[in-house]
Amino acid sequence: MSPIIPVSQVDCQVPAWKKLLKTAIKDPLTLLETVAVDPKSLDFSLSENNPFSTRVPQPFIDKMKPGDAKDPLLLQVLTSHLEELEVPDYSFDPLDETQNQLPGLLHKYHGRVLLILAAACAVNCRYCFRRHFPYQDKMATGDQLNKAIEYVRNSESITEVILSGGDPLMVSDDQLRNLISQLDNIPHLKRLRIHTRLPVVIPQRVTNQLCQTLASSNLDCSIVLHINHGNEIDPLLSRAVNDLKHSGVTLLNQSVLLKHINDNLDALCELSERLFQTGILPYYLHCLDKVAGAAHFDLPMNTAKTLISGMRNRLPGYLVPRLAMEEPGRPAKTIVA
């Protein structure tokens, strides 16, 4: 008979980030109560039965300003009745990603493939372009993941693998170590890239084991974080970034231009300054992907171009991200300005 392990001992074996994930707030009214915001002070009504549910972990909530109904972090994660409106040209699959040949693998661009490792994120951003994505049929797990790795192994033109999701850091350190060790043994691979928001919303996700795995890889590793506002950068995230940098990881950031959140020159310049101060290089500023349920975050293209022009006038070139958009069927991102 197997020995009975005390509950307290089992709890100690659970990584801190998973505990924080488990206790994430999943109700919009509870979220408002936690940050001391009266629902009546909002400029919109809540969407309480939204199929794209609320999920916000405590470390991200801690960065919000109590009592501020217009807090730019709160507005990224709070459900709105505006998500329920049907708007022309906004679709469930704005980038035509559900047509991939192998489940969990997207090969849109030359030399790069994207592996969808996880169906969920630690936080549900309301503008997410994959909020309607059929993960149950399109995720790389088990045999599908093995087939995807074999596809990479047999395609010598592929030099970079990008881990995405959901959020790829939702999988365990052991799973990541196993996957990366398999990728390390593919001779023509040069780079590994991880697209993640998890270290931003739960910095504790950057564990010693994760850093050791990335440091010991044969591949040049980069992590592309998703930070939209300077207030998302706090001492916890700065320490996590420092650990990753000491592991030899290149840190980049991509943001989404969002109405009422970062749609002004001061906010965007402050974000670039704080990113660089933390050791993260501004990479892309994305125009919103036209996904159903997120039209209220969108901005006119002329506004986006004016903002990026203003950043160029105010900042050194290396602090100005490229304004970009993704268009289905194009061989690369479209650089707008």
C-alpha atoms as a PDB file:
ATOM      1  CA  MET A   1       0.000   0.000   0.000  1.00  0.00           C
ATOM      2  CA  SER A   2       1.298   3.462  -0.934  1.00  0.00           C
ATOM      3  CA  PRO A   3       2.074   5.734   2.024  1.00  0.00           C
ATOM      4  CA  ILE A   4      -0.444   8.458   2.786  1.00  0.00           C
ATOM      5  CA  ILE A   5       1.100  11.867   2.161  1.00  0.00           C
ATOM      6  CA  PRO A   6      -0.174  14.614   4.496  1.00  0.00           C
ATOM      7  CA  VAL A   7      -2.208  17.320   2.795  1.00  0.00           C
ATOM      8  CA  SER A   8       0.226  19.979   4.016  1.00  0.00           C
ATOM      9  CA  GLN A   9       3.109  18.133   2.355  1.00  0.00           C
ATOM     10  CA  VAL A  10       1.185  17.788  -0.924  1.00  0.00           C
ATOM     11  CA  ASP A  11       0.434  21.511  -0.831  1.00  0.00           C
ATOM     12  CA  CYS A  12       4.134  22.289  -0.410  1.00  0.00           C
ATOM     13  CA  GLN A  13       4.865  20.285  -3.557  1.00  0.00           C
ATOM     14  CA  VAL A  14       2.569  22.479  -5.645  1.00  0.00           C
ATOM     15  CA  PRO A  15       4.496  25.362  -7.258  1.00  0.00           C
ATOM     16  CA  ALA A  16       3.541  28.810  -5.999  1.00  0.00           C
ATOM     17  CA  TRP A  17       2.421  29.915  -9.442  1.00  0.00           C
ATOM     18  CA  LYS A  18      -0.070  27.051  -9.671  1.00  0.00           C
ATOM     19  CA  LYS A  19      -1.560  27.986  -6.309  1.00  0.00           C
ATOM     20  CA  LEU A  20      -2.009  31.553  -7.549  1.00  0.00           C
ATOM     21  CA  LEU A  21      -3.535  30.258 -10.753  1.00  0.00           C
ATOM     22  CA  LYS A  22      -6.008  28.135  -8.824  1.00  0.00           C
ATOM     23  CA  THR A  23      -7.176  31.108  -6.747  1.00  0.00           C
ATOM     24  CA  ALA A  24      -7.622  33.465  -9.716  1.00  0.00           C
ATOM     25  CA  ILE A  25     -10.848  35.487  -9.577  1.00  0.00           C
ATOM     26  CA  LYS A  26     -13.463  34.190 -12.003  1.00  0.00           C
ATOM     27  CA  ASP A  27     -16.370  36.506 -11.318  1.00  0.00           C
ATOM     28  CA  PRO A  28     -16.472  40.145 -12.539  1.00  0.00           C
ATOM     29  CA  LEU A  29     -18.382  41.396  -9.483  1.00  0.00           C
ATOM     30  CA  THR A  30     -15.846  39.794  -7.159  1.00  0.00           C
ATOM     31  CA  LEU A  31     -13.081  41.424  -9.169  1.00  0.00           C
ATOM     32  CA  LEU A  32     -14.694  44.846  -8.759  1.00  0.00           C
ATOM     33  CA  GLU A  33     -15.180  44.262  -5.047  1.00  0.00           C
ATOM     34  CA  THR A  34     -11.518  43.287  -4.701  1.00  0.00           C
ATOM     35  CA  VAL A  35     -10.334  46.540  -6.289  1.00  0.00           C
ATOM     36  CA  ALA A  36     -12.998  48.643  -4.494  1.00  0.00           C
ATOM     37  CA  VAL A  37     -14.767  49.765  -7.672  1.00  0.00           C
ATOM     38  CA  ASP A  38     -18.524  50.384  -7.652  1.00  0.00           C
ATOM     39  CA  PRO A  39     -20.146  48.754 -10.719  1.00  0.00           C
ATOM     40  CA  LYS A  40     -22.290  51.882 -11.073  1.00  0.00           C
ATOM     41  CA  SER A  41     -19.154  53.947 -11.708  1.00  0.00           C
ATOM     42  CA  LEU A  42     -18.291  52.009 -14.871  1.00  0.00           C
ATOM     43  CA  ASP A  43     -18.935  53.427 -18.327  1.00  0.00           C
ATOM     44  CA  PHE A  44     -20.458  50.101 -19.359  1.00  0.00           C
ATOM     45  CA  SER A  45     -22.509  47.295 -17.848  1.00  0.00           C
ATOM     46  CA  LEU A  46     -20.956  43.960 -16.976  1.00  0.00           C
ATOM     47  CA  SER A  47     -21.365  40.810 -19.026  1.00  0.00           C
ATOM     48  CA  GLU A  48     -21.795  38.225 -16.278  1.00  0.00           C
ATOM     49  CA  ASN A  49     -22.632  35.125 -18.367  1.00  0.00           C
ATOM     50  CA  ASN A  50     -20.005  35.576 -21.046  1.00  0.00           C
ATOM     51  CA  PRO A  51     -18.829  32.261 -22.605  1.00  0.00           C
ATOM     52  CA  PHE A  52     -15.308  33.725 -22.556  1.00  0.00           C
ATOM     53  CA  SER A  53     -15.101  33.702 -18.793  1.00  0.00           C
ATOM     54  CA  THR A  54     -13.368  36.012 -16.356  1.00  0.00           C
ATOM     55  CA  ARG A  55      -9.978  34.912 -15.025  1.00  0.00           C
ATOM     56  CA  VAL A  56      -7.633  37.291 -13.203  1.00  0.00           C
ATOM     57  CA  PRO A  57      -4.862  36.144 -10.806  1.00  0.00           C
ATOM     58  CA  GLN A  58      -4.077  38.121  -7.659  1.00  0.00           C
ATOM     59  CA  PRO A  59      -0.579  39.342  -8.654  1.00  0.00           C
ATOM     60  CA  PHE A  60      -2.119  41.167 -11.622  1.00  0.00           C
ATOM     61  CA  ILE A  61      -4.908  42.586  -9.461  1.00  0.00           C
ATOM     62  CA  ASP A  62      -2.282  43.898  -7.035  1.00  0.00           C
ATOM     63  CA  LYS A  63      -1.024  46.195  -9.803  1.00  0.00           C
ATOM     64  CA  MET A  64      -4.415  47.902 -10.204  1.00  0.00           C
ATOM     65  CA  LYS A  65      -5.268  51.197  -8.530  1.00  0.00           C
ATOM     66  CA  PRO A  66      -7.992  50.632  -5.915  1.00  0.00           C
ATOM     67  CA  GLY A  67     -11.184  52.576  -6.533  1.00  0.00           C
ATOM     68  CA  ASP A  68     -10.266  53.532 -10.118  1.00  0.00           C
ATOM     69  CA  ALA A  69     -12.997  52.457 -12.551  1.00  0.00           C
ATOM     70  CA  LYS A  70     -10.779  53.535 -15.453  1.00  0.00           C
ATOM     71  CA  ASP A  71      -7.672  51.665 -14.358  1.00  0.00           C
ATOM     72  CA  PRO A  72      -5.962  50.516 -17.594  1.00  0.00           C
ATOM     73  CA  LEU A  73      -5.227  47.063 -16.205  1.00  0.00           C
ATOM     74  CA  LEU A  74      -8.760  46.535 -14.924  1.00  0.00           C
ATOM     75  CA  LEU A  75     -10.253  47.490 -18.290  1.00  0.00           C
ATOM     76  CA  GLN A  76      -8.181  44.809 -20.036  1.00  0.00           C
ATOM     77  CA  VAL A  77      -9.780  41.987 -18.045  1.00  0.00           C
ATOM     78  CA  LEU A  78     -13.258  43.171 -17.031  1.00  0.00           C
ATOM     79  CA  THR A  79     -16.165  41.785 -19.042  1.00  0.00           C
ATOM     80  CA  SER A  80     -18.384  44.284 -20.834  1.00  0.00           C
ATOM     81  CA  HIS A  81     -21.800  44.114 -22.474  1.00  0.00           C
ATOM     82  CA  LEU A  82     -20.055  45.573 -25.539  1.00  0.00           C
ATOM     83  CA  GLU A  83     -18.554  42.121 -26.146  1.00  0.00           C
ATOM     84  CA  GLU A  84     -22.017  40.853 -26.977  1.00  0.00           C
ATOM     85  CA  LEU A  85     -22.546  43.255 -29.880  1.00  0.00           C
ATOM     86  CA  GLU A  86     -22.285  41.926 -33.430  1.00  0.00           C
ATOM     87  CA  VAL A  87     -20.028  44.217 -35.455  1.00  0.00           C
ATOM     88  CA  PRO A  88     -19.424  43.820 -39.220  1.00  0.00           C
ATOM     89  CA  ASP A  89     -15.954  42.571 -40.229  1.00  0.00           C
ATOM     90  CA  TYR A  90     -15.227  41.135 -36.762  1.00  0.00           C
ATOM     91  CA  SER A  91     -15.082  37.339 -36.855  1.00  0.00           C
ATOM     92  CA  PHE A  92     -14.443  34.294 -34.660  1.00  0.00           C
ATOM     93  CA  ASP A  93     -11.252  33.472 -36.594  1.00  0.00           C
ATOM     94  CA  PRO A  94      -9.742  36.795 -37.729  1.00  0.00           C
ATOM     95  CA  LEU A  95      -6.406  35.256 -38.791  1.00  0.00           C
ATOM     96  CA  ASP A  96      -7.778  32.066 -40.421  1.00  0.00           C
ATOM     97  CA  GLU A  97      -5.867  29.886 -37.967  1.00  0.00           C
ATOM     98  CA  THR A  98      -8.317  26.992 -37.801  1.00  0.00           C
ATOM     99  CA  GLN A  99      -7.273  25.707 -41.224  1.00  0.00           C
ATOM    100  CA  ASN A 100      -3.953  24.264 -40.043  1.00  0.00           C
ATOM    101  CA  GLN A 101      -3.055  20.838 -41.439  1.00  0.00           C
ATOM    102  CA  LEU A 102      -1.661  19.357 -38.223  1.00  0.00           C
ATOM    103  CA  PRO A 103      -3.450  19.906 -34.901  1.00  0.00           C
ATOM    104  CA  GLY A 104      -1.454  22.302 -32.768  1.00  0.00           C
ATOM    105  CA  LEU A 105       0.977  23.377 -35.476  1.00  0.00           C
ATOM    106  CA  LEU A 106       0.761  26.563 -37.537  1.00  0.00           C
ATOM    107  CA  HIS A 107       3.227  27.026 -40.391  1.00  0.00           C
ATOM    108  CA  LYS A 108       2.291  30.469 -41.697  1.00  0.00           C
ATOM    109  CA  TYR A 109       5.724  32.025 -42.219  1.00  0.00           C
ATOM    110  CA  HIS A 110       8.885  30.755 -43.897  1.00  0.00           C
ATOM    111  CA  GLY A 111      11.390  29.220 -41.510  1.00  0.00           C
ATOM    112  CA  ARG A 112       9.130  29.373 -38.459  1.00  0.00           C
ATOM    113  CA  VAL A 113       6.430  27.176 -36.999  1.00  0.00           C
ATOM    114  CA  LEU A 114       4.155  27.826 -34.064  1.00  0.00           C
ATOM    115  CA  LEU A 115       3.179  25.112 -31.592  1.00  0.00           C
ATOM    116  CA  ILE A 116      -0.049  25.625 -29.628  1.00  0.00           C
ATOM    117  CA  LEU A 117       0.807  23.910 -26.335  1.00  0.00           C
ATOM    118  CA  ALA A 118      -1.988  25.053 -24.025  1.00  0.00           C
ATOM    119  CA  ALA A 119      -5.688  25.810 -24.273  1.00  0.00           C
ATOM    120  CA  ALA A 120      -5.795  28.376 -21.480  1.00  0.00           C
ATOM    121  CA  CYS A 121      -4.059  31.455 -20.150  1.00  0.00           C
ATOM    122  CA  ALA A 122      -3.512  32.642 -16.602  1.00  0.00           C
ATOM    123  CA  VAL A 123      -5.581  35.721 -17.440  1.00  0.00           C
ATOM    124  CA  ASN A 124      -8.418  36.175 -19.917  1.00  0.00           C
ATOM    125  CA  CYS A 125      -7.734  39.422 -21.750  1.00  0.00           C
ATOM    126  CA  ARG A 126     -10.980  40.660 -23.248  1.00  0.00           C
ATOM    127  CA  TYR A 127      -9.402  41.556 -26.618  1.00  0.00           C
ATOM    128  CA  CYS A 128      -7.804  38.115 -27.139  1.00  0.00           C
ATOM    129  CA  PHE A 129      -7.744  37.168 -30.828  1.00  0.00           C
ATOM    130  CA  ARG A 130      -8.038  33.466 -29.906  1.00  0.00           C
ATOM    131  CA  ARG A 131     -11.003  33.879 -27.561  1.00  0.00           C
ATOM    132  CA  HIS A 132     -13.088  31.661 -29.870  1.00  0.00           C
ATOM    133  CA  PHE A 133     -10.303  29.278 -30.917  1.00  0.00           C
ATOM    134  CA  PRO A 134     -11.326  25.567 -30.886  1.00  0.00           C
ATOM    135  CA  TYR A 135      -8.453  24.397 -28.711  1.00  0.00           C
ATOM    136  CA  GLN A 136      -9.975  20.986 -28.117  1.00  0.00           C
ATOM    137  CA  ASP A 137      -9.312  20.138 -31.783  1.00  0.00           C
ATOM    138  CA  LYS A 138      -6.293  22.334 -32.498  1.00  0.00           C
ATOM    139  CA  MET A 139      -3.828  21.791 -29.662  1.00  0.00           C
ATOM    140  CA  ALA A 140      -0.483  19.986 -29.741  1.00  0.00           C
ATOM    141  CA  THR A 141      -0.722  17.288 -27.079  1.00  0.00           C
ATOM    142  CA  GLY A 142       0.172  13.607 -26.973  1.00  0.00           C
ATOM    143  CA  ASP A 143       0.335  12.076 -30.448  1.00  0.00           C
ATOM    144  CA  GLN A 144      -0.423  15.429 -32.067  1.00  0.00           C
ATOM    145  CA  LEU A 145       2.637  16.951 -30.410  1.00  0.00           C
ATOM    146  CA  ASN A 146       4.786  14.019 -31.521  1.00  0.00           C
ATOM    147  CA  LYS A 147       3.573  14.475 -35.089  1.00  0.00           C
ATOM    148  CA  ALA A 148       4.277  18.190 -34.917  1.00  0.00           C
ATOM    149  CA  ILE A 149       7.840  17.559 -33.714  1.00  0.00           C
ATOM    150  CA  GLU A 150       8.317  15.017 -36.487  1.00  0.00           C
ATOM    151  CA  TYR A 151       7.080  17.606 -38.992  1.00  0.00           C
ATOM    152  CA  VAL A 152       9.731  20.023 -37.743  1.00  0.00           C
ATOM    153  CA  ARG A 153      12.377  17.299 -37.838  1.00  0.00           C
ATOM    154  CA  ASN A 154      11.575  16.515 -41.478  1.00  0.00           C
ATOM    155  CA  SER A 155      11.435  20.157 -42.641  1.00  0.00           C
ATOM    156  CA  GLU A 156      14.993  21.436 -42.866  1.00  0.00           C
ATOM    157  CA  SER A 157      13.855  24.943 -43.834  1.00  0.00           C
ATOM    158  CA  ILE A 158      12.469  25.441 -40.314  1.00  0.00           C
ATOM    159  CA  THR A 159      15.003  27.200 -38.096  1.00  0.00           C
ATOM    160  CA  GLU A 160      12.755  28.507 -35.318  1.00  0.00           C
ATOM    161  CA  VAL A 161       9.981  27.039 -33.184  1.00  0.00           C
ATOM    162  CA  ILE A 162       7.558  29.376 -31.430  1.00  0.00           C
ATOM    163  CA  LEU A 163       5.645  28.130 -28.396  1.00  0.00           C
ATOM    164  CA  SER A 164       2.199  29.672 -28.046  1.00  0.00           C
ATOM    165  CA  GLY A 165      -1.298  28.905 -26.831  1.00  0.00           C
ATOM    166  CA  GLY A 166      -3.284  29.856 -24.790  1.00  0.00           C
ATOM    167  CA  ASP A 167      -0.112  30.441 -22.874  1.00  0.00           C
ATOM    168  CA  PRO A 168       2.666  27.857 -23.314  1.00  0.00           C
ATOM    169  CA  LEU A 169       3.954  28.461 -19.773  1.00  0.00           C
ATOM    170  CA  MET A 170       0.701  26.972 -18.467  1.00  0.00           C
ATOM    171  CA  VAL A 171       2.297  23.565 -18.974  1.00  0.00           C
ATOM    172  CA  SER A 172       4.612  22.239 -16.288  1.00  0.00           C
ATOM    173  CA  ASP A 173       8.357  22.738 -16.096  1.00  0.00           C
ATOM    174  CA  ASP A 174       8.849  19.012 -16.659  1.00  0.00           C
ATOM    175  CA  GLN A 175       6.751  19.077 -19.833  1.00  0.00           C
ATOM    176  CA  LEU A 176       8.668  22.062 -21.154  1.00  0.00           C
ATOM    177  CA  ARG A 177      11.998  20.440 -20.355  1.00  0.00           C
ATOM    178  CA  ASN A 178      10.968  17.282 -22.220  1.00  0.00           C
ATOM    179  CA  LEU A 179       9.785  19.230 -25.264  1.00  0.00           C
ATOM    180  CA  ILE A 180      12.851  21.465 -25.418  1.00  0.00           C
ATOM    181  CA  SER A 181      15.173  18.469 -25.103  1.00  0.00           C
ATOM    182  CA  GLN A 182      13.499  16.969 -28.185  1.00  0.00           C
ATOM    183  CA  LEU A 183      13.835  20.220 -30.098  1.00  0.00           C
ATOM    184  CA  ASP A 184      17.496  20.463 -29.056  1.00  0.00           C
ATOM    185  CA  ASN A 185      18.160  17.266 -31.007  1.00  0.00           C
ATOM    186  CA  ILE A 186      16.898  18.644 -34.330  1.00  0.00           C
ATOM    187  CA  PRO A 187      20.075  19.783 -36.140  1.00  0.00           C
ATOM    188  CA  HIS A 188      18.597  22.499 -38.355  1.00  0.00           C
ATOM    189  CA  LEU A 189      16.793  24.303 -35.511  1.00  0.00           C
ATOM    190  CA  LYS A 190      18.537  27.462 -34.297  1.00  0.00           C
ATOM    191  CA  ARG A 191      16.043  29.348 -32.173  1.00  0.00           C
ATOM    192  CA  LEU A 192      13.280  28.802 -29.646  1.00  0.00           C
ATOM    193  CA  ARG A 193      10.774  31.567 -28.983  1.00  0.00           C
ATOM    194  CA  ILE A 194       8.119  31.599 -26.249  1.00  0.00           C
ATOM    195  CA  HIS A 195       5.146  33.954 -26.475  1.00  0.00           C
ATOM    196  CA  THR A 196       3.755  34.410 -22.984  1.00  0.00           C
ATOM    197  CA  ARG A 197       1.894  36.761 -20.676  1.00  0.00           C
ATOM    198  CA  LEU A 198       2.157  34.515 -17.642  1.00  0.00           C
ATOM    199  CA  PRO A 199       5.283  36.117 -16.103  1.00  0.00           C
ATOM    200  CA  VAL A 200       3.448  39.458 -16.275  1.00  0.00           C
ATOM    201  CA  VAL A 201       0.312  38.305 -14.455  1.00  0.00           C
ATOM    202  CA  ILE A 202       2.024  35.721 -12.202  1.00  0.00           C
ATOM    203  CA  PRO A 203       5.761  36.520 -12.019  1.00  0.00           C
ATOM    204  CA  GLN A 204       6.245  33.478  -9.779  1.00  0.00           C
ATOM    205  CA  ARG A 205       5.932  31.363 -12.945  1.00  0.00           C
ATOM    206  CA  VAL A 206       9.600  32.103 -13.655  1.00  0.00           C
ATOM    207  CA  THR A 207      10.964  29.226 -11.600  1.00  0.00           C
ATOM    208  CA  ASN A 208      14.525  28.029 -11.116  1.00  0.00           C
ATOM    209  CA  GLN A 209      13.760  24.922 -13.148  1.00  0.00           C
ATOM    210  CA  LEU A 210      12.379  26.959 -16.053  1.00  0.00           C
ATOM    211  CA  CYS A 211      15.485  29.161 -16.061  1.00  0.00           C
ATOM    212  CA  GLN A 212      17.782  26.137 -15.905  1.00  0.00           C
ATOM    213  CA  THR A 213      15.962  24.472 -18.808  1.00  0.00           C
ATOM    214  CA  LEU A 214      16.297  27.543 -20.999  1.00  0.00           C
ATOM    215  CA  ALA A 215      19.920  28.140 -19.977  1.00  0.00           C
ATOM    216  CA  SER A 216      20.944  24.586 -20.859  1.00  0.00           C
ATOM    217  CA  SER A 217      19.219  24.482 -24.259  1.00  0.00           C
ATOM    218  CA  ASN A 218      21.280  24.288 -27.448  1.00  0.00           C
ATOM    219  CA  LEU A 219      18.895  26.799 -29.014  1.00  0.00           C
ATOM    220  CA  ASP A 220      19.037  30.571 -28.807  1.00  0.00           C
ATOM    221  CA  CYS A 221      16.059  31.290 -26.553  1.00  0.00           C
ATOM    222  CA  SER A 222      13.908  34.381 -26.561  1.00  0.00           C
ATOM    223  CA  ILE A 223      10.742  35.219 -24.657  1.00  0.00           C
ATOM    224  CA  VAL A 224       8.242  37.662 -26.104  1.00  0.00           C
ATOM    225  CA  LEU A 225       6.188  39.094 -23.262  1.00  0.00           C
ATOM    226  CA  HIS A 226       2.822  40.792 -23.668  1.00  0.00           C
ATOM    227  CA  ILE A 227       2.723  44.058 -21.728  1.00  0.00           C
ATOM    228  CA  ASN A 228       0.322  46.822 -22.759  1.00  0.00           C
ATOM    229  CA  HIS A 229       0.809  49.426 -20.046  1.00  0.00           C
ATOM    230  CA  GLY A 230       3.685  50.587 -17.872  1.00  0.00           C
ATOM    231  CA  ASN A 231       1.716  49.817 -14.702  1.00  0.00           C
ATOM    232  CA  GLU A 232       2.050  46.112 -15.485  1.00  0.00           C
ATOM    233  CA  ILE A 233       5.766  46.331 -14.683  1.00  0.00           C
ATOM    234  CA  ASP A 234       6.432  45.973 -10.949  1.00  0.00           C
ATOM    235  CA  PRO A 235       9.343  44.726  -8.800  1.00  0.00           C
ATOM    236  CA  LEU A 236       8.136  41.103  -8.986  1.00  0.00           C
ATOM    237  CA  LEU A 237       8.164  41.144 -12.774  1.00  0.00           C
ATOM    238  CA  SER A 238      11.521  42.953 -12.810  1.00  0.00           C
ATOM    239  CA  ARG A 239      13.069  40.189 -10.686  1.00  0.00           C
ATOM    240  CA  ALA A 240      11.607  37.510 -12.961  1.00  0.00           C
ATOM    241  CA  VAL A 241      13.010  39.273 -16.029  1.00  0.00           C
ATOM    242  CA  ASN A 242      16.401  39.536 -14.339  1.00  0.00           C
ATOM    243  CA  ASP A 243      16.402  35.778 -13.684  1.00  0.00           C
ATOM    244  CA  LEU A 244      15.590  35.080 -17.317  1.00  0.00           C
ATOM    245  CA  LYS A 245      18.291  37.431 -18.572  1.00  0.00           C
ATOM    246  CA  HIS A 246      20.864  35.717 -16.353  1.00  0.00           C
ATOM    247  CA  SER A 247      19.783  32.471 -18.038  1.00  0.00           C
ATOM    248  CA  GLY A 248      20.794  33.882 -21.418  1.00  0.00           C
ATOM    249  CA  VAL A 249      17.251  34.598 -22.607  1.00  0.00           C
ATOM    250  CA  THR A 250      16.529  37.566 -24.888  1.00  0.00           C
ATOM    251  CA  LEU A 251      13.487  39.524 -23.671  1.00  0.00           C
ATOM    252  CA  LEU A 252      11.181  41.293 -26.138  1.00  0.00           C
ATOM    253  CA  ASN A 253       7.725  42.796 -25.763  1.00  0.00           C
ATOM    254  CA  GLN A 254       4.686  43.051 -27.967  1.00  0.00           C
ATOM    255  CA  SER A 255       1.727  45.233 -27.086  1.00  0.00           C
ATOM    256  CA  VAL A 256      -1.727  45.695 -28.530  1.00  0.00           C
ATOM    257  CA  LEU A 257      -2.972  49.222 -29.143  1.00  0.00           C
ATOM    258  CA  LEU A 258      -6.190  49.441 -27.111  1.00  0.00           C
ATOM    259  CA  LYS A 259      -8.780  52.187 -26.776  1.00  0.00           C
ATOM    260  CA  HIS A 260      -8.955  53.743 -23.278  1.00  0.00           C
ATOM    261  CA  ILE A 261      -5.926  51.679 -22.152  1.00  0.00           C
ATOM    262  CA  ASN A 262      -2.785  52.812 -23.978  1.00  0.00           C
ATOM    263  CA  ASP A 263      -4.150  55.032 -26.751  1.00  0.00           C
ATOM    264  CA  ASN A 264      -2.167  58.135 -25.824  1.00  0.00           C
ATOM    265  CA  LEU A 265       1.405  59.197 -26.424  1.00  0.00           C
ATOM    266  CA  ASP A 266       2.358  59.552 -22.759  1.00  0.00           C
ATOM    267  CA  ALA A 267       1.250  56.001 -21.927  1.00  0.00           C
ATOM    268  CA  LEU A 268       3.071  54.455 -24.891  1.00  0.00           C
ATOM    269  CA  CYS A 269       6.303  56.357 -24.265  1.00  0.00           C
ATOM    270  CA  GLU A 270       6.222  55.528 -20.560  1.00  0.00           C
ATOM    271  CA  LEU A 271       5.717  51.863 -21.451  1.00  0.00           C
ATOM    272  CA  SER A 272       8.778  51.833 -23.733  1.00  0.00           C
ATOM    273  CA  GLU A 273      10.900  53.602 -21.131  1.00  0.00           C
ATOM    274  CA  ARG A 274       9.918  51.188 -18.370  1.00  0.00           C
ATOM    275  CA  LEU A 275      10.377  48.147 -20.594  1.00  0.00           C
ATOM    276  CA  PHE A 276      13.931  49.130 -21.459  1.00  0.00           C
ATOM    277  CA  GLN A 277      14.721  50.009 -17.850  1.00  0.00           C
ATOM    278  CA  THR A 278      13.585  46.496 -16.889  1.00  0.00           C
ATOM    279  CA  GLY A 279      15.677  44.815 -19.585  1.00  0.00           C
ATOM    280  CA  ILE A 280      12.970  44.235 -22.194  1.00  0.00           C
ATOM    281  CA  LEU A 281      13.207  45.588 -25.726  1.00  0.00           C
ATOM    282  CA  PRO A 282      10.024  47.013 -27.328  1.00  0.00           C
ATOM    283  CA  TYR A 283       9.292  44.836 -30.377  1.00  0.00           C
ATOM    284  CA  TYR A 284       5.789  45.180 -31.826  1.00  0.00           C
ATOM    285  CA  LEU A 285       2.812  47.440 -31.242  1.00  0.00           C
ATOM    286  CA  HIS A 286      -0.050  45.495 -32.797  1.00  0.00           C
ATOM    287  CA  CYS A 287      -3.181  46.905 -34.306  1.00  0.00           C
ATOM    288  CA  LEU A 288      -6.142  45.029 -32.855  1.00  0.00           C
ATOM    289  CA  ASP A 289      -7.030  41.777 -34.587  1.00  0.00           C
ATOM    290  CA  LYS A 290     -10.676  42.047 -35.589  1.00  0.00           C
ATOM    291  CA  VAL A 291     -12.027  39.292 -33.370  1.00  0.00           C
ATOM    292  CA  ALA A 292     -15.719  39.166 -32.508  1.00  0.00           C
ATOM    293  CA  GLY A 293     -16.327  40.645 -29.068  1.00  0.00           C
ATOM    294  CA  ALA A 294     -13.419  43.099 -29.055  1.00  0.00           C
ATOM    295  CA  ALA A 295     -14.491  45.855 -31.454  1.00  0.00           C
ATOM    296  CA  HIS A 296     -14.834  48.367 -28.601  1.00  0.00           C
ATOM    297  CA  PHE A 297     -11.039  48.237 -28.108  1.00  0.00           C
ATOM    298  CA  ASP A 298     -10.254  49.152 -31.712  1.00  0.00           C
ATOM    299  CA  LEU A 299      -8.840  52.457 -32.952  1.00  0.00           C
ATOM    300  CA  PRO A 300      -8.733  54.085 -36.397  1.00  0.00           C
ATOM    301  CA  MET A 301      -5.566  53.401 -38.373  1.00  0.00           C
ATOM    302  CA  ASN A 302      -4.838  57.123 -38.629  1.00  0.00           C
ATOM    303  CA  THR A 303      -4.782  57.329 -34.823  1.00  0.00           C
ATOM    304  CA  ALA A 304      -2.318  54.443 -34.635  1.00  0.00           C
ATOM    305  CA  LYS A 305      -0.024  56.039 -37.208  1.00  0.00           C
ATOM    306  CA  THR A 306      -0.150  59.398 -35.428  1.00  0.00           C
ATOM    307  CA  LEU A 307       0.804  57.761 -32.131  1.00  0.00           C
ATOM    308  CA  ILE A 308       3.750  55.835 -33.560  1.00  0.00           C
ATOM    309  CA  SER A 309       4.952  58.999 -35.313  1.00  0.00           C
ATOM    310  CA  GLY A 310       4.778  60.831 -31.999  1.00  0.00           C
ATOM    311  CA  MET A 311       6.840  58.089 -30.354  1.00  0.00           C
ATOM    312  CA  ARG A 312       9.526  58.474 -33.019  1.00  0.00           C
ATOM    313  CA  ASN A 313       9.684  62.190 -32.354  1.00  0.00           C
ATOM    314  CA  ARG A 314      10.016  61.697 -28.603  1.00  0.00           C
ATOM    315  CA  LEU A 315      12.096  58.522 -28.168  1.00  0.00           C
ATOM    316  CA  PRO A 316      15.343  57.054 -29.509  1.00  0.00           C
ATOM    317  CA  GLY A 317      14.728  54.579 -32.317  1.00  0.00           C
ATOM    318  CA  TYR A 318      15.471  51.470 -30.259  1.00  0.00           C
ATOM    319  CA  LEU A 319      12.570  52.317 -27.917  1.00  0.00           C
ATOM    320  CA  VAL A 320      10.002  52.604 -30.718  1.00  0.00           C
ATOM    321  CA  PRO A 321       8.177  49.337 -31.476  1.00  0.00           C
ATOM    322  CA  ARG A 322       7.109  48.535 -35.020  1.00  0.00           C
ATOM    323  CA  LEU A 323       3.442  49.212 -35.656  1.00  0.00           C
ATOM    324  CA  ALA A 324       2.185  45.997 -37.218  1.00  0.00           C
ATOM    325  CA  MET A 325      -0.894  44.025 -38.127  1.00  0.00           C
ATOM    326  CA  GLU A 326      -1.519  40.442 -39.144  1.00  0.00           C
ATOM    327  CA  GLU A 327      -3.454  39.669 -42.286  1.00  0.00           C
ATOM    328  CA  PRO A 328      -4.562  36.148 -43.248  1.00  0.00           C
ATOM    329  CA  GLY A 329      -2.575  34.616 -46.084  1.00  0.00           C
ATOM    330  CA  ARG A 330       0.303  37.114 -45.975  1.00  0.00           C
ATOM    331  CA  PRO A 331       3.864  35.700 -45.806  1.00  0.00           C
ATOM    332  CA  ALA A 332       4.773  37.980 -42.873  1.00  0.00           C
ATOM    333  CA  LYS A 333       3.317  40.574 -40.555  1.00  0.00           C
ATOM    334  CA  THR A 334       2.365  43.818 -42.263  1.00  0.00           C
ATOM    335  CA  ILE A 335       4.481  46.696 -40.951  1.00  0.00           C
ATOM    336  CA  VAL A 336       2.128  49.667 -40.963  1.00  0.00           C
ATOM    337  CA  ALA A 337       4.600  52.311 -39.803  1.00  0.00           C
END
